[in-house]
N, C-alpha and C. Protein backbone atom coordinates (compact mmCIF):
# COMPACT_ATOMS: atom_id res chain seq x y z
N MET A 1 -27.88 30.58 43.30
CA MET A 1 -28.00 29.04 43.32
C MET A 1 -28.58 28.40 42.03
N ARG A 2 -29.48 28.74 41.68
CA ARG A 2 -30.49 28.37 40.36
C ARG A 2 -29.46 28.72 39.65
N ALA A 3 -28.87 30.36 39.68
CA ALA A 3 -28.03 30.80 38.19
C ALA A 3 -26.62 29.59 38.81
N LEU A 4 -26.43 28.83 38.86
CA LEU A 4 -25.42 27.90 39.22
C LEU A 4 -25.60 26.91 38.13
N THR A 5 -27.08 26.56 38.92
CA THR A 5 -27.13 25.39 38.54
C THR A 5 -27.87 25.27 37.09
N LEU A 6 -28.42 26.29 37.27
CA LEU A 6 -28.66 26.35 35.26
C LEU A 6 -27.42 26.05 34.89
N VAL A 7 -26.26 26.80 34.16
CA VAL A 7 -25.16 26.53 33.78
C VAL A 7 -24.34 25.41 34.05
N LEU A 8 -24.34 25.24 34.96
CA LEU A 8 -23.72 23.30 35.34
C LEU A 8 -24.59 22.21 33.98
N ILE A 9 -26.52 22.18 33.90
CA ILE A 9 -26.76 21.72 33.62
C ILE A 9 -27.04 21.87 32.37
N LEU A 10 -26.57 23.06 31.99
CA LEU A 10 -26.04 23.63 30.59
C LEU A 10 -24.51 22.67 30.15
N PHE A 11 -24.19 23.09 30.83
CA PHE A 11 -22.20 22.63 31.00
C PHE A 11 -22.61 21.10 30.20
N VAL A 12 -23.07 20.05 31.51
CA VAL A 12 -23.11 18.79 30.91
C VAL A 12 -23.95 18.50 29.85
N ALA A 13 -25.43 19.50 29.61
CA ALA A 13 -25.96 18.85 28.16
C ALA A 13 -25.14 19.91 26.36
N GLY A 14 -23.79 20.01 27.12
CA GLY A 14 -22.92 20.41 26.23
C GLY A 14 -22.29 20.22 25.58
N ILE A 15 -21.50 19.41 27.07
CA ILE A 15 -20.80 17.80 26.51
C ILE A 15 -21.55 16.29 25.93
N GLN A 16 -22.41 16.30 26.53
CA GLN A 16 -23.64 15.28 26.03
C GLN A 16 -23.71 15.08 24.91
N ALA A 17 -23.77 16.09 24.49
CA ALA A 17 -24.72 16.36 23.12
C ALA A 17 -22.39 16.61 22.45
N GLU A 18 -22.16 17.31 22.67
CA GLU A 18 -20.53 16.55 21.78
C GLU A 18 -20.35 15.14 21.98
N LEU A 19 -20.75 14.31 22.68
CA LEU A 19 -20.41 12.65 23.17
C LEU A 19 -21.70 11.71 21.74
N TRP A 20 -22.18 12.79 21.81
CA TRP A 20 -23.57 11.99 21.11
C TRP A 20 -24.01 11.96 19.88
N ILE A 21 -23.28 13.71 18.72
CA ILE A 21 -23.37 13.55 17.64
C ILE A 21 -22.53 14.66 17.31
N GLY A 22 -21.65 15.50 18.41
CA GLY A 22 -19.86 16.21 18.51
C GLY A 22 -19.19 14.90 16.57
N LYS A 23 -18.34 15.68 17.00
CA LYS A 23 -16.74 14.61 16.28
C LYS A 23 -15.93 13.54 17.25
N GLY A 24 -16.20 13.25 18.00
CA GLY A 24 -16.39 12.44 19.06
C GLY A 24 -17.05 11.47 19.65
N SER A 25 -18.10 11.52 18.38
CA SER A 25 -19.42 10.69 18.60
C SER A 25 -19.77 9.14 19.15
N LEU A 26 -20.31 8.78 19.10
CA LEU A 26 -20.25 7.40 18.86
C LEU A 26 -19.92 6.54 17.56
N PRO A 27 -21.95 7.04 17.21
CA PRO A 27 -21.34 7.40 15.40
C PRO A 27 -20.54 7.38 13.65
N TYR A 28 -19.27 8.70 14.53
CA TYR A 28 -18.79 9.16 14.22
C TYR A 28 -16.91 7.97 14.24
N VAL A 29 -16.71 7.30 15.37
CA VAL A 29 -16.09 7.26 15.48
C VAL A 29 -16.70 5.18 15.07
N VAL A 30 -17.71 4.60 14.63
CA VAL A 30 -18.13 3.36 14.48
C VAL A 30 -17.71 3.90 12.20
N THR A 31 -18.41 4.98 11.40
CA THR A 31 -17.74 5.62 10.49
C THR A 31 -16.53 5.85 10.75
N LEU A 32 -15.74 5.92 10.56
CA LEU A 32 -14.32 6.47 11.07
C LEU A 32 -14.00 4.52 10.55
N LYS A 33 -14.38 3.35 11.66
CA LYS A 33 -13.36 2.82 12.07
C LYS A 33 -14.17 1.77 10.42
N SER A 34 -15.59 1.88 10.38
CA SER A 34 -15.38 0.96 9.48
C SER A 34 -14.41 2.04 7.32
N GLU A 35 -14.32 2.86 7.74
CA GLU A 35 -13.30 3.88 6.41
C GLU A 35 -11.99 2.70 6.47
N LEU A 36 -11.51 3.02 8.25
CA LEU A 36 -10.41 3.01 8.56
C LEU A 36 -9.94 0.66 7.60
N ALA A 37 -11.09 0.10 8.28
CA ALA A 37 -10.96 -1.66 7.69
C ALA A 37 -10.94 -1.54 6.18
N GLN A 38 -12.06 -0.63 5.17
CA GLN A 38 -11.94 -0.67 3.44
C GLN A 38 -10.61 -0.14 2.86
N ALA A 39 -9.62 1.07 4.03
CA ALA A 39 -9.15 1.08 3.70
C ALA A 39 -7.40 0.57 4.24
N GLU A 40 -8.47 -0.91 4.69
CA GLU A 40 -7.25 -2.25 5.58
C GLU A 40 -6.96 -2.75 4.23
N ALA A 41 -8.64 -3.75 3.89
CA ALA A 41 -8.37 -4.75 3.07
C ALA A 41 -8.60 -3.35 1.73
N ALA A 42 -7.61 -2.78 0.94
CA ALA A 42 -8.01 -1.63 -0.07
C ALA A 42 -6.89 -1.84 -0.26
N ASN A 43 -5.21 -1.00 0.63
CA ASN A 43 -3.63 -1.50 1.01
C ASN A 43 -3.40 -3.28 0.82
N VAL A 44 -4.87 -4.18 1.62
CA VAL A 44 -3.79 -6.00 1.26
C VAL A 44 -3.99 -5.69 -0.24
N GLN A 45 -4.74 -5.40 -1.41
CA GLN A 45 -5.05 -5.42 -2.44
C GLN A 45 -4.47 -5.79 -2.59
N ALA A 46 -3.50 -4.31 -2.63
CA ALA A 46 -2.69 -3.61 -3.19
C ALA A 46 -1.25 -4.30 -3.38
N ARG A 47 -1.06 -4.33 -1.31
CA ARG A 47 0.24 -5.15 -1.71
C ARG A 47 0.05 -6.36 -1.70
N ALA A 48 -1.10 -7.31 -2.59
CA ALA A 48 -0.53 -8.85 -3.60
C ALA A 48 -0.94 -7.78 -4.70
N ARG A 49 -0.82 -7.00 -5.44
CA ARG A 49 -0.62 -7.09 -6.48
C ARG A 49 1.04 -6.16 -7.11
N ASN A 50 1.12 -5.30 -5.98
CA ASN A 50 2.48 -4.70 -5.88
C ASN A 50 3.54 -6.36 -5.51
N ALA A 51 3.25 -6.71 -5.60
CA ALA A 51 3.97 -8.36 -4.75
C ALA A 51 4.19 -9.05 -6.03
N GLN A 52 3.23 -10.04 -6.51
CA GLN A 52 2.55 -9.81 -7.97
C GLN A 52 3.22 -9.60 -9.72
N LEU A 53 3.65 -8.05 -9.09
CA LEU A 53 3.57 -7.03 -10.37
C LEU A 53 5.46 -7.61 -9.53
N GLN A 54 5.90 -7.49 -8.76
CA GLN A 54 7.57 -7.92 -8.59
C GLN A 54 8.03 -9.45 -9.00
N ALA A 55 6.98 -9.55 -8.64
CA ALA A 55 7.36 -11.42 -8.80
C ALA A 55 6.94 -11.52 -10.91
N GLU A 56 6.87 -11.20 -11.24
CA GLU A 56 6.82 -11.03 -13.25
C GLU A 56 7.85 -10.26 -13.40
N LEU A 57 8.32 -8.79 -12.27
CA LEU A 57 9.78 -8.23 -13.31
C LEU A 57 10.95 -9.39 -12.91
N ARG A 58 10.46 -10.09 -11.97
CA ARG A 58 11.36 -10.48 -11.55
C ARG A 58 11.59 -11.61 -12.50
N ASP A 59 10.58 -12.42 -12.34
CA ASP A 59 10.60 -13.35 -13.83
C ASP A 59 11.64 -12.96 -15.16
N LEU A 60 10.21 -11.51 -15.45
CA LEU A 60 11.32 -10.63 -16.79
C LEU A 60 12.44 -10.95 -16.82
N ARG A 61 13.21 -10.46 -15.47
CA ARG A 61 14.36 -10.43 -16.07
C ARG A 61 15.51 -11.06 -15.83
N GLU A 62 14.64 -12.20 -15.18
CA GLU A 62 15.46 -13.87 -15.17
C GLU A 62 15.23 -14.21 -16.68
N GLY A 63 14.96 -14.41 -17.45
CA GLY A 63 14.07 -14.69 -18.33
C GLY A 63 15.01 -13.73 -19.81
N LEU A 64 14.86 -12.20 -19.69
CA LEU A 64 16.33 -12.20 -20.17
C LEU A 64 17.18 -11.99 -19.91
N GLU A 65 17.99 -12.05 -19.26
CA GLU A 65 19.25 -13.04 -19.30
C GLU A 65 19.27 -14.18 -19.13
N MET A 66 18.27 -15.40 -19.43
CA MET A 66 18.50 -16.40 -19.65
C MET A 66 18.56 -16.58 -20.88
N VAL A 67 18.18 -16.20 -22.00
CA VAL A 67 17.40 -15.52 -22.71
C VAL A 67 18.54 -14.64 -23.74
N GLU A 68 19.63 -14.34 -22.66
CA GLU A 68 20.76 -13.45 -23.70
C GLU A 68 22.06 -14.14 -23.46
N GLU A 69 21.86 -15.04 -22.33
CA GLU A 69 23.57 -15.79 -22.33
C GLU A 69 23.12 -16.91 -23.23
N LYS A 70 21.43 -17.69 -24.04
CA LYS A 70 21.43 -18.70 -24.73
C LYS A 70 21.78 -17.91 -26.58
N ALA A 71 21.84 -17.09 -26.22
CA ALA A 71 21.80 -16.10 -27.91
C ALA A 71 23.25 -16.39 -27.76
N ARG A 72 24.08 -15.57 -26.36
CA ARG A 72 25.76 -15.78 -26.20
C ARG A 72 26.61 -17.03 -26.99
N SER A 73 26.19 -18.23 -26.03
CA SER A 73 27.07 -19.50 -26.39
C SER A 73 26.02 -20.05 -27.57
N GLU A 74 24.34 -20.17 -27.73
CA GLU A 74 24.74 -21.78 -29.06
C GLU A 74 24.35 -20.36 -29.90
N LEU A 75 24.78 -19.03 -30.78
CA LEU A 75 24.36 -18.87 -31.57
C LEU A 75 25.81 -17.31 -32.46
N ARG A 76 26.29 -17.34 -30.84
CA ARG A 76 27.11 -16.92 -30.78
C ARG A 76 27.91 -15.00 -30.94
N MET A 77 25.84 -14.94 -30.25
CA MET A 77 25.68 -13.16 -30.52
C MET A 77 27.16 -12.80 -29.58
N ILE A 78 26.96 -11.78 -29.69
CA ILE A 78 27.35 -9.94 -29.52
C ILE A 78 26.77 -9.12 -29.31
N LYS A 79 26.65 -8.13 -28.47
CA LYS A 79 26.65 -6.41 -28.75
C LYS A 79 26.96 -5.86 -29.43
N PRO A 80 26.67 -4.71 -30.08
CA PRO A 80 27.27 -3.81 -31.02
C PRO A 80 28.20 -2.96 -30.21
N ASP A 81 28.58 -3.34 -29.31
CA ASP A 81 29.82 -2.26 -28.85
C ASP A 81 30.99 -2.87 -28.56
N GLU A 82 30.85 -4.23 -28.09
CA GLU A 82 31.62 -5.57 -27.63
C GLU A 82 32.92 -6.16 -28.58
N ILE A 83 33.76 -7.33 -28.16
CA ILE A 83 35.08 -7.26 -29.76
C ILE A 83 34.91 -8.87 -28.56
N TYR A 84 34.26 -10.23 -29.83
CA TYR A 84 33.88 -11.60 -29.66
C TYR A 84 36.16 -11.83 -29.87
N VAL A 85 35.91 -12.38 -29.22
CA VAL A 85 37.65 -12.78 -28.75
C VAL A 85 37.46 -14.62 -28.61
N GLN A 86 37.74 -15.35 -28.64
CA GLN A 86 37.24 -16.36 -28.82
C GLN A 86 39.03 -17.37 -28.38
N VAL A 87 38.56 -18.60 -26.74
CA VAL A 87 39.92 -18.81 -26.77
C VAL A 87 39.57 -20.12 -26.28
N HIS A 88 40.97 -20.44 -26.89
CA HIS A 88 40.42 -22.70 -27.38
C HIS A 88 41.50 -23.06 -25.83
N HIS A 89 41.05 -23.86 -25.31
CA HIS A 89 41.97 -24.98 -24.51
C HIS A 89 42.61 -25.66 -24.92
């Protein structure tokens, strides 16, 4: 009976040790939550930067299209592989 009691005490002590200092322990979980919060903050910053870069890229594309349109209509510029045809109405 004493051996069984000793085995059960050791078993409970092992479980408690894992709970307090092991991989599933409270300090480990707190550390993981902190790392998760930092990663989420970094993701928010990265998403904001990506949105800003996408907006800049869109502005550049639209700006280049506008410049090309003005060059074609006002300066009668054509691309090297194009043929200019003028139609009067």
